Amino acid sequence: MTQAFQDVRWQVQRPQRLMWAQWEGEYSVFDPETGDTHLVNELPAEVLRQLAQASLTAAELAAVLADLCEVAPSPDWQGKIAGILADLADMELIDSDTP
């Protein structure tokens, strides 16, 4: 993860608009504004929950999630979280507060 990427703060775009449903560890997230429904598993769902509460950098988020998931905050873990952030940004569920 590059230093520039680590410094970006991420947030959920209008978290109050998202509608959630859960089935056996899978989640559907419906965005009524766009009409899109996204299927995510537990970890991306937790990323969305954390970013709905506060704007966080990738490094901050990786540390919070490592604690919640009881894993070591290794470079591999940080890369996994960075990949999830990129995927959620592509789905237009999160964005950075950096221009």
C-alpha atoms as a PDB file:
ATOM      1  CA  MET A   1       0.000   0.000   0.000  1.00  0.00           C
ATOM      2  CA  THR A   2       1.536   3.320  -1.017  1.00  0.00           C
ATOM      3  CA  GLN A   3       1.906   6.174   1.462  1.00  0.00           C
ATOM      4  CA  ALA A   4      -0.470   8.328  -0.627  1.00  0.00           C
ATOM      5  CA  PHE A   5      -3.153   5.628  -0.453  1.00  0.00           C
ATOM      6  CA  GLN A   6      -2.638   5.249   3.302  1.00  0.00           C
ATOM      7  CA  ASP A   7      -3.210   8.984   3.811  1.00  0.00           C
ATOM      8  CA  VAL A   8      -6.565   9.036   1.993  1.00  0.00           C
ATOM      9  CA  ARG A   9      -9.551   9.173   4.342  1.00  0.00           C
ATOM     10  CA  TRP A  10     -12.503   7.006   3.294  1.00  0.00           C
ATOM     11  CA  GLN A  11     -16.176   7.384   4.140  1.00  0.00           C
ATOM     12  CA  VAL A  12     -19.533   5.885   3.219  1.00  0.00           C
ATOM     13  CA  GLN A  13     -21.464   8.063   0.826  1.00  0.00           C
ATOM     14  CA  ARG A  14     -24.656   9.009   2.682  1.00  0.00           C
ATOM     15  CA  PRO A  15     -24.853   5.922   4.963  1.00  0.00           C
ATOM     16  CA  GLN A  16     -28.462   6.648   5.955  1.00  0.00           C
ATOM     17  CA  ARG A  17     -29.654   5.926   2.420  1.00  0.00           C
ATOM     18  CA  LEU A  18     -28.314   2.350   2.287  1.00  0.00           C
ATOM     19  CA  MET A  19     -30.717  -0.510   2.925  1.00  0.00           C
ATOM     20  CA  TRP A  20     -29.300  -3.782   4.283  1.00  0.00           C
ATOM     21  CA  ALA A  21     -30.373  -7.426   4.302  1.00  0.00           C
ATOM     22  CA  GLN A  22     -28.398 -10.391   5.646  1.00  0.00           C
ATOM     23  CA  TRP A  23     -28.453 -14.088   4.750  1.00  0.00           C
ATOM     24  CA  GLU A  24     -26.005 -16.543   6.351  1.00  0.00           C
ATOM     25  CA  GLY A  25     -22.941 -14.292   6.318  1.00  0.00           C
ATOM     26  CA  GLU A  26     -23.811 -12.601   3.041  1.00  0.00           C
ATOM     27  CA  TYR A  27     -25.221  -9.114   2.824  1.00  0.00           C
ATOM     28  CA  SER A  28     -27.100  -7.229   0.190  1.00  0.00           C
ATOM     29  CA  VAL A  29     -26.723  -3.481   0.223  1.00  0.00           C
ATOM     30  CA  PHE A  30     -29.316  -1.574  -1.766  1.00  0.00           C
ATOM     31  CA  ASP A  31     -28.742   2.043  -2.748  1.00  0.00           C
ATOM     32  CA  PRO A  32     -32.148   3.550  -3.588  1.00  0.00           C
ATOM     33  CA  GLU A  33     -30.478   6.618  -5.070  1.00  0.00           C
ATOM     34  CA  THR A  34     -28.759   4.605  -7.807  1.00  0.00           C
ATOM     35  CA  GLY A  35     -31.054   1.568  -7.808  1.00  0.00           C
ATOM     36  CA  ASP A  36     -28.003  -0.696  -7.404  1.00  0.00           C
ATOM     37  CA  THR A  37     -27.912  -3.753  -5.160  1.00  0.00           C
ATOM     38  CA  HIS A  38     -24.504  -5.057  -4.109  1.00  0.00           C
ATOM     39  CA  LEU A  39     -23.741  -8.433  -2.564  1.00  0.00           C
ATOM     40  CA  VAL A  40     -20.896  -8.444  -0.045  1.00  0.00           C
ATOM     41  CA  ASN A  41     -19.581 -10.848   2.548  1.00  0.00           C
ATOM     42  CA  GLU A  42     -18.853 -10.157   6.224  1.00  0.00           C
ATOM     43  CA  LEU A  43     -15.552  -8.266   5.909  1.00  0.00           C
ATOM     44  CA  PRO A  44     -16.667  -5.697   3.297  1.00  0.00           C
ATOM     45  CA  ALA A  45     -19.901  -5.289   5.282  1.00  0.00           C
ATOM     46  CA  GLU A  46     -17.840  -4.506   8.386  1.00  0.00           C
ATOM     47  CA  VAL A  47     -15.750  -2.042   6.364  1.00  0.00           C
ATOM     48  CA  LEU A  48     -18.978  -0.255   5.397  1.00  0.00           C
ATOM     49  CA  ARG A  49     -20.191  -0.267   9.010  1.00  0.00           C
ATOM     50  CA  GLN A  50     -16.935   1.215  10.267  1.00  0.00           C
ATOM     51  CA  LEU A  51     -16.813   3.879   7.551  1.00  0.00           C
ATOM     52  CA  ALA A  52     -20.453   4.801   8.200  1.00  0.00           C
ATOM     53  CA  GLN A  53     -19.389   5.754  11.734  1.00  0.00           C
ATOM     54  CA  ALA A  54     -16.223   7.712  10.914  1.00  0.00           C
ATOM     55  CA  SER A  55     -13.923   8.714   8.086  1.00  0.00           C
ATOM     56  CA  LEU A  56     -10.788   6.549   8.333  1.00  0.00           C
ATOM     57  CA  THR A  57      -7.558   6.025   6.446  1.00  0.00           C
ATOM     58  CA  ALA A  58      -6.789   2.565   5.081  1.00  0.00           C
ATOM     59  CA  ALA A  59      -4.175   2.100   7.820  1.00  0.00           C
ATOM     60  CA  GLU A  60      -6.603   3.145  10.575  1.00  0.00           C
ATOM     61  CA  LEU A  61      -9.302   0.887   9.170  1.00  0.00           C
ATOM     62  CA  ALA A  62      -6.906  -2.067   8.864  1.00  0.00           C
ATOM     63  CA  ALA A  63      -5.916  -1.636  12.530  1.00  0.00           C
ATOM     64  CA  VAL A  64      -9.543  -1.445  13.716  1.00  0.00           C
ATOM     65  CA  LEU A  65     -10.554  -4.475  11.670  1.00  0.00           C
ATOM     66  CA  ALA A  66      -7.479  -6.475  12.715  1.00  0.00           C
ATOM     67  CA  ASP A  67      -8.544  -5.966  16.317  1.00  0.00           C
ATOM     68  CA  LEU A  68     -12.176  -6.909  15.590  1.00  0.00           C
ATOM     69  CA  CYS A  69     -11.186  -9.971  13.548  1.00  0.00           C
ATOM     70  CA  GLU A  70      -8.373 -10.949  15.918  1.00  0.00           C
ATOM     71  CA  VAL A  71      -5.707 -11.044  13.227  1.00  0.00           C
ATOM     72  CA  ALA A  72      -2.238  -9.520  13.050  1.00  0.00           C
ATOM     73  CA  PRO A  73      -2.179  -6.194  11.172  1.00  0.00           C
ATOM     74  CA  SER A  74       0.380  -7.470   8.647  1.00  0.00           C
ATOM     75  CA  PRO A  75       1.170  -6.002   5.224  1.00  0.00           C
ATOM     76  CA  ASP A  76      -0.954  -8.798   3.699  1.00  0.00           C
ATOM     77  CA  TRP A  77      -3.897  -7.765   5.907  1.00  0.00           C
ATOM     78  CA  GLN A  78      -3.441  -4.117   4.945  1.00  0.00           C
ATOM     79  CA  GLY A  79      -3.371  -5.137   1.272  1.00  0.00           C
ATOM     80  CA  LYS A  80      -6.590  -7.098   1.712  1.00  0.00           C
ATOM     81  CA  ILE A  81      -8.294  -4.066   3.290  1.00  0.00           C
ATOM     82  CA  ALA A  82      -6.944  -1.807   0.518  1.00  0.00           C
ATOM     83  CA  GLY A  83      -8.451  -4.175  -2.062  1.00  0.00           C
ATOM     84  CA  ILE A  84     -11.816  -4.070  -0.326  1.00  0.00           C
ATOM     85  CA  LEU A  85     -11.685  -0.270  -0.238  1.00  0.00           C
ATOM     86  CA  ALA A  86     -10.950  -0.195  -3.974  1.00  0.00           C
ATOM     87  CA  ASP A  87     -13.858  -2.581  -4.666  1.00  0.00           C
ATOM     88  CA  LEU A  88     -16.294  -0.569  -2.542  1.00  0.00           C
ATOM     89  CA  ALA A  89     -15.155   2.640  -4.223  1.00  0.00           C
ATOM     90  CA  ASP A  90     -15.775   1.024  -7.637  1.00  0.00           C
ATOM     91  CA  MET A  91     -19.304   0.152  -6.423  1.00  0.00           C
ATOM     92  CA  GLU A  92     -19.697   3.831  -5.467  1.00  0.00           C
ATOM     93  CA  LEU A  93     -20.543   2.883  -1.873  1.00  0.00           C
ATOM     94  CA  ILE A  94     -17.573   4.768  -0.441  1.00  0.00           C
ATOM     95  CA  ASP A  95     -15.464   7.670  -1.516  1.00  0.00           C
ATOM     96  CA  SER A  96     -12.454   9.559  -0.306  1.00  0.00           C
ATOM     97  CA  ASP A  97     -12.703  12.980   1.242  1.00  0.00           C
ATOM     98  CA  THR A  98      -9.612  13.952  -0.739  1.00  0.00           C
ATOM     99  CA  PRO A  99     -10.079  15.791  -4.012  1.00  0.00           C
END
